[in-house]
Amino acid sequence: MGCCGDEEDDSFPLHQPLTTTADHRTSVVTSTVDTISPMNSNFAALICHDTLRLIFEKLPIADLARAACVCRIWCTIASDRDILTASFKAPWRLYDVVGNPSSGSFWRDNRLSKFAISHRISRGDSVASLAVKYDVQVMEVKRLNNMMSDHGIYSRERLLIPVSNADILIDNTCYIELDLYAKREVAVLYLEGAPDSKNLGCSSSKVTSNEGKKRIFESIRRSMQVDDGTALYYLSVSNGDPRAALSEFSEDVKWERQASLA
């Protein structure tokens, strides 16, 4: 007998929790929906090459690098040269990017610092005058070209100049080059013509002529403020590397000063 005089309905167990229609619908949906993943073969869109290409063609370069880490299929499509080139040049509205980088990591970064202007050294040029001409800082020029002093300009045929105004890249072609002095791979813009085809993909500043070697020697001698024999000695012990020669010379000068004070 119930509290109101009605008979209890024994067919409804009091210990069973109530389940609403909404709760039942949610549980059904949860149990039937598969997790969307490129590893899930039931979700064909994520492993369809044509679909992935349409998606990846709209991704910025940083997202392409992330997509390449998901699975083998994604990596293959995200590493496609046409897709990488289009994504690399899109923010700067470049006409084209020519050349093959030595490493695939080149494509992971397309910030403005990845680009440089090639300036051929002529009589009367100095780091300061070039900084004024291209509206950049002197230290930026030195840092990009891996220079320790202003004298380093005399041993080179060209300098790389940082790009300060992105508008200069619009509708232009850049060339992927590994610069010997800068010791980095950059997308180089030539304001006057184009580089020799033999220089693409390698250093356009590579010293192969006797004239270039002579310019390096003169620069080392002036930087050290020594005679020809001393400069030649330090170049020989450093296997022709100007930076190593100057470093070796500095260490010897430091040792001589310490020895004289002892």
Protein backbone atom coordinates (compact mmCIF):
# COMPACT_ATOMS: atom_id res chain seq x y z
CA MET A 1 0.00 0.00 0.00
CA GLY A 2 1.40 3.40 -0.95
CA CYS A 3 1.55 6.45 1.25
CA CYS A 4 -1.65 7.79 -0.39
CA GLY A 5 -3.57 4.57 -0.07
CA ASP A 6 -2.65 3.40 -3.59
CA GLU A 7 -1.16 0.05 -4.25
CA GLU A 8 2.56 0.06 -5.05
CA ASP A 9 3.51 -0.82 -8.60
CA ASP A 10 5.97 -3.70 -8.14
CA SER A 11 6.78 -3.62 -11.87
CA PHE A 12 9.00 -0.46 -11.49
CA PRO A 13 12.11 -1.19 -9.42
CA LEU A 14 13.01 1.74 -7.18
CA HIS A 15 16.74 0.97 -7.32
CA GLN A 16 16.97 1.50 -11.14
CA PRO A 17 18.18 5.06 -12.12
CA LEU A 18 15.96 7.15 -14.32
CA THR A 19 17.14 7.63 -17.93
CA THR A 20 15.79 10.56 -19.95
CA THR A 21 15.26 10.51 -23.69
CA ALA A 22 18.04 13.07 -24.18
CA ASP A 23 20.54 10.96 -22.23
CA HIS A 24 19.63 7.93 -24.28
CA ARG A 25 20.09 9.86 -27.55
CA THR A 26 23.53 11.15 -26.43
CA SER A 27 24.75 7.70 -25.55
CA VAL A 28 23.67 6.34 -28.91
CA VAL A 29 25.46 9.11 -30.82
CA THR A 30 28.63 8.70 -28.77
CA SER A 31 28.77 5.00 -29.41
CA THR A 32 28.25 5.28 -33.15
CA VAL A 33 30.62 8.14 -34.10
CA ASP A 34 34.18 7.13 -34.99
CA THR A 35 37.19 9.20 -34.01
CA ILE A 36 38.41 11.24 -37.00
CA SER A 37 42.04 10.40 -37.60
CA PRO A 38 44.35 9.89 -40.59
CA MET A 39 45.05 6.49 -39.08
CA ASN A 40 41.35 5.56 -39.30
CA SER A 41 40.82 3.79 -42.62
CA ASN A 42 37.07 4.35 -42.34
CA PHE A 43 37.56 8.10 -42.84
CA ALA A 44 38.68 8.04 -46.47
CA ALA A 45 38.93 11.82 -46.90
CA LEU A 46 42.02 11.99 -44.71
CA ILE A 47 43.97 9.52 -46.85
CA CYS A 48 42.72 10.57 -50.28
CA HIS A 49 45.63 12.17 -52.16
CA ASP A 50 43.47 14.53 -54.22
CA THR A 51 41.57 15.76 -51.17
CA LEU A 52 44.75 16.23 -49.16
CA ARG A 53 46.38 18.22 -51.96
CA LEU A 54 43.39 20.59 -52.07
CA ILE A 55 43.70 21.11 -48.31
CA PHE A 56 47.48 21.40 -48.14
CA GLU A 57 47.63 23.91 -50.99
CA LYS A 58 45.87 26.38 -48.71
CA LEU A 59 48.10 25.85 -45.66
CA PRO A 60 50.86 28.24 -44.56
CA ILE A 61 54.40 26.89 -44.53
CA ALA A 62 54.46 26.26 -40.75
CA ASP A 63 51.30 24.12 -40.90
CA LEU A 64 52.72 22.15 -43.82
CA ALA A 65 55.72 21.27 -41.65
CA ARG A 66 53.39 20.04 -38.91
CA ALA A 67 51.27 18.05 -41.37
CA ALA A 68 54.39 16.28 -42.64
CA CYS A 69 54.85 14.78 -39.15
CA VAL A 70 51.41 13.13 -38.96
CA CYS A 71 51.84 10.05 -41.13
CA ARG A 72 53.62 8.80 -44.23
CA ILE A 73 50.85 9.77 -46.68
CA TRP A 74 50.61 13.29 -45.27
CA CYS A 75 54.40 13.64 -45.33
CA THR A 76 54.56 12.64 -49.00
CA ILE A 77 52.00 15.24 -50.06
CA ALA A 78 53.17 17.99 -47.69
CA SER A 79 56.72 17.56 -49.08
CA ASP A 80 55.64 18.01 -52.70
CA ARG A 81 57.84 20.69 -54.30
CA ASP A 82 54.97 22.51 -56.00
CA ILE A 83 53.00 22.76 -52.77
CA LEU A 84 56.05 23.88 -50.78
CA THR A 85 57.02 26.52 -53.34
CA ALA A 86 53.49 27.94 -53.54
CA SER A 87 53.21 28.14 -49.76
CA PHE A 88 56.72 29.61 -49.39
CA LYS A 89 56.13 32.49 -51.79
CA ALA A 90 52.44 33.20 -51.06
CA PRO A 91 52.86 35.69 -48.14
CA TRP A 92 55.31 37.81 -50.12
CA ARG A 93 53.56 37.49 -53.50
CA LEU A 94 56.73 36.25 -55.15
CA TYR A 95 56.67 35.34 -58.80
CA ASP A 96 58.91 32.28 -58.38
CA VAL A 97 61.55 30.58 -56.25
CA VAL A 98 64.36 28.93 -58.25
CA GLY A 99 66.88 26.37 -57.06
CA ASN A 100 67.00 23.31 -54.83
CA PRO A 101 67.92 23.68 -51.16
CA SER A 102 70.51 21.35 -49.68
CA SER A 103 68.09 20.41 -46.90
CA GLY A 104 64.33 20.07 -46.71
CA SER A 105 64.38 22.16 -43.52
CA PHE A 106 64.83 25.24 -45.73
CA TRP A 107 61.09 25.24 -46.45
CA ARG A 108 60.08 25.29 -42.78
CA ASP A 109 60.69 29.01 -42.42
CA ASN A 110 59.66 31.77 -44.83
CA ARG A 111 60.00 34.79 -42.60
CA LEU A 112 61.45 37.97 -44.09
CA SER A 113 64.85 37.11 -42.59
CA LYS A 114 65.00 34.16 -45.00
CA PHE A 115 65.46 36.57 -47.92
CA ALA A 116 68.42 38.74 -48.91
CA ILE A 117 69.44 41.12 -51.68
CA SER A 118 72.65 40.38 -53.59
CA HIS A 119 74.90 43.43 -53.92
CA ARG A 120 78.03 43.17 -56.04
CA ILE A 121 80.94 44.97 -54.38
CA SER A 122 82.35 47.91 -56.31
CA ARG A 123 85.05 50.49 -55.64
CA GLY A 124 84.14 52.86 -52.82
CA ASP A 125 81.61 50.53 -51.16
CA SER A 126 81.62 50.17 -47.40
CA VAL A 127 79.35 48.42 -44.93
CA ALA A 128 78.10 51.77 -43.67
CA SER A 129 77.35 53.14 -47.15
CA LEU A 130 75.48 49.97 -48.11
CA ALA A 131 73.47 50.09 -44.88
CA VAL A 132 72.36 53.63 -45.76
CA LYS A 133 71.61 52.70 -49.38
CA TYR A 134 69.36 49.77 -48.46
CA ASP A 135 67.93 51.32 -45.27
CA VAL A 136 69.21 48.65 -42.88
CA GLN A 137 71.44 48.58 -39.81
CA VAL A 138 75.19 48.05 -40.10
CA MET A 139 75.07 45.23 -37.56
CA GLU A 140 72.36 43.47 -39.57
CA VAL A 141 74.60 43.45 -42.64
CA LYS A 142 77.55 42.14 -40.63
CA ARG A 143 75.46 39.48 -38.91
CA LEU A 144 73.96 38.20 -42.15
CA ASN A 145 77.37 38.01 -43.86
CA ASN A 146 79.17 36.58 -40.82
CA MET A 147 81.59 39.51 -40.71
CA MET A 148 83.76 40.37 -37.71
CA SER A 149 84.95 43.74 -39.03
CA ASP A 150 84.38 46.21 -41.86
CA HIS A 151 87.60 45.01 -43.52
CA GLY A 152 85.85 41.75 -44.46
CA ILE A 153 84.14 43.51 -47.35
CA TYR A 154 87.38 43.72 -49.35
CA SER A 155 87.77 39.95 -49.64
CA ARG A 156 84.34 39.39 -51.18
CA GLU A 157 82.77 39.81 -54.57
CA ARG A 158 79.31 40.45 -53.13
CA LEU A 159 77.44 41.07 -49.89
CA LEU A 160 74.03 39.84 -48.85
CA ILE A 161 71.78 42.68 -47.72
CA PRO A 162 68.82 42.03 -45.39
CA VAL A 163 65.42 42.83 -46.88
CA SER A 164 63.88 45.73 -44.95
CA ASN A 165 60.83 46.31 -47.16
CA ALA A 166 58.77 43.27 -48.14
CA ASP A 167 57.25 45.11 -51.10
CA ILE A 168 60.52 44.66 -52.99
CA LEU A 169 59.75 40.92 -53.24
CA ILE A 170 56.41 41.36 -55.00
CA ASP A 171 56.37 39.77 -58.48
CA ASN A 172 60.11 39.07 -58.29
CA THR A 173 62.09 35.83 -58.49
CA CYS A 174 64.40 34.65 -55.71
CA TYR A 175 67.21 32.11 -56.05
CA ILE A 176 68.04 29.58 -53.34
CA GLU A 177 71.76 29.81 -52.62
CA LEU A 178 74.16 28.58 -49.96
CA ASP A 179 76.51 31.49 -49.36
CA LEU A 180 80.08 30.53 -48.45
CA TYR A 181 80.73 33.50 -46.19
CA ALA A 182 77.31 33.83 -44.60
CA LYS A 183 77.33 30.06 -44.01
CA ARG A 184 73.58 29.87 -44.49
CA GLU A 185 71.04 29.10 -47.17
CA VAL A 186 68.91 32.05 -48.22
CA ALA A 187 66.50 33.09 -50.97
CA VAL A 188 68.51 35.73 -52.84
CA LEU A 189 66.96 38.56 -54.83
CA TYR A 190 68.99 40.04 -57.70
CA LEU A 191 67.90 43.58 -58.44
CA GLU A 192 70.07 43.68 -61.55
CA GLY A 193 69.51 40.64 -63.73
CA ALA A 194 69.93 37.07 -62.55
CA PRO A 195 72.84 34.95 -61.28
CA ASP A 196 74.86 32.56 -63.39
CA SER A 197 73.15 29.19 -63.65
CA LYS A 198 76.24 27.49 -62.25
CA ASN A 199 75.79 29.37 -58.99
CA LEU A 200 72.29 28.08 -58.25
CA GLY A 201 72.13 25.77 -55.28
CA CYS A 202 75.68 26.62 -54.24
CA SER A 203 77.70 29.60 -53.14
CA SER A 204 77.78 32.44 -55.61
CA SER A 205 80.57 33.95 -53.53
CA LYS A 206 82.82 30.94 -53.79
CA VAL A 207 86.37 32.02 -54.34
CA THR A 208 87.87 30.12 -57.25
CA SER A 209 90.02 32.72 -58.95
CA ASN A 210 93.47 33.98 -58.06
CA GLU A 211 92.01 37.46 -57.85
CA GLY A 212 89.56 36.38 -55.17
CA LYS A 213 92.32 34.69 -53.16
CA LYS A 214 94.42 37.81 -53.42
CA ARG A 215 91.57 39.93 -52.08
CA ILE A 216 91.20 37.61 -49.10
CA PHE A 217 94.92 37.80 -48.42
CA GLU A 218 94.91 41.61 -48.55
CA SER A 219 91.95 41.77 -46.21
CA ILE A 220 93.62 39.45 -43.68
CA ARG A 221 96.85 41.42 -43.80
CA ARG A 222 95.06 44.74 -43.20
CA SER A 223 92.95 43.29 -40.39
CA MET A 224 96.00 41.86 -38.61
CA GLN A 225 98.19 44.88 -39.44
CA VAL A 226 101.11 42.57 -40.19
CA ASP A 227 103.50 41.92 -43.07
CA ASP A 228 102.81 39.60 -45.99
CA GLY A 229 104.75 36.68 -44.53
CA THR A 230 102.85 36.71 -41.23
CA ALA A 231 99.48 36.93 -42.95
CA LEU A 232 100.43 34.10 -45.31
CA TYR A 233 101.51 31.96 -42.33
CA TYR A 234 98.19 32.28 -40.51
CA LEU A 235 96.25 31.58 -43.68
CA SER A 236 98.26 28.43 -44.26
CA VAL A 237 97.80 27.06 -40.73
CA SER A 238 94.05 27.68 -40.99
CA ASN A 239 93.71 25.93 -44.38
CA GLY A 240 92.73 29.18 -46.07
CA ASP A 241 89.82 29.98 -43.73
CA PRO A 242 89.92 33.77 -43.07
CA ARG A 243 87.92 33.55 -39.82
CA ALA A 244 90.11 30.77 -38.45
CA ALA A 245 93.24 32.71 -39.41
CA LEU A 246 92.07 35.82 -37.55
CA SER A 247 91.05 33.72 -34.56
CA GLU A 248 94.45 32.02 -34.45
CA PHE A 249 96.21 35.36 -34.73
CA SER A 250 94.11 36.85 -31.89
CA GLU A 251 94.95 33.91 -29.63
CA ASP A 252 98.68 34.34 -30.28
CA VAL A 253 98.52 38.08 -29.59
CA LYS A 254 96.65 37.42 -26.36
CA TRP A 255 99.24 34.85 -25.28
CA GLU A 256 102.13 37.21 -26.05
CA ARG A 257 100.55 39.97 -23.94
CA GLN A 258 100.01 37.65 -21.02
CA ALA A 259 103.58 36.33 -21.32
CA SER A 260 105.00 39.87 -21.32
CA LEU A 261 103.08 40.73 -18.14
CA ALA A 262 104.25 37.61 -16.32
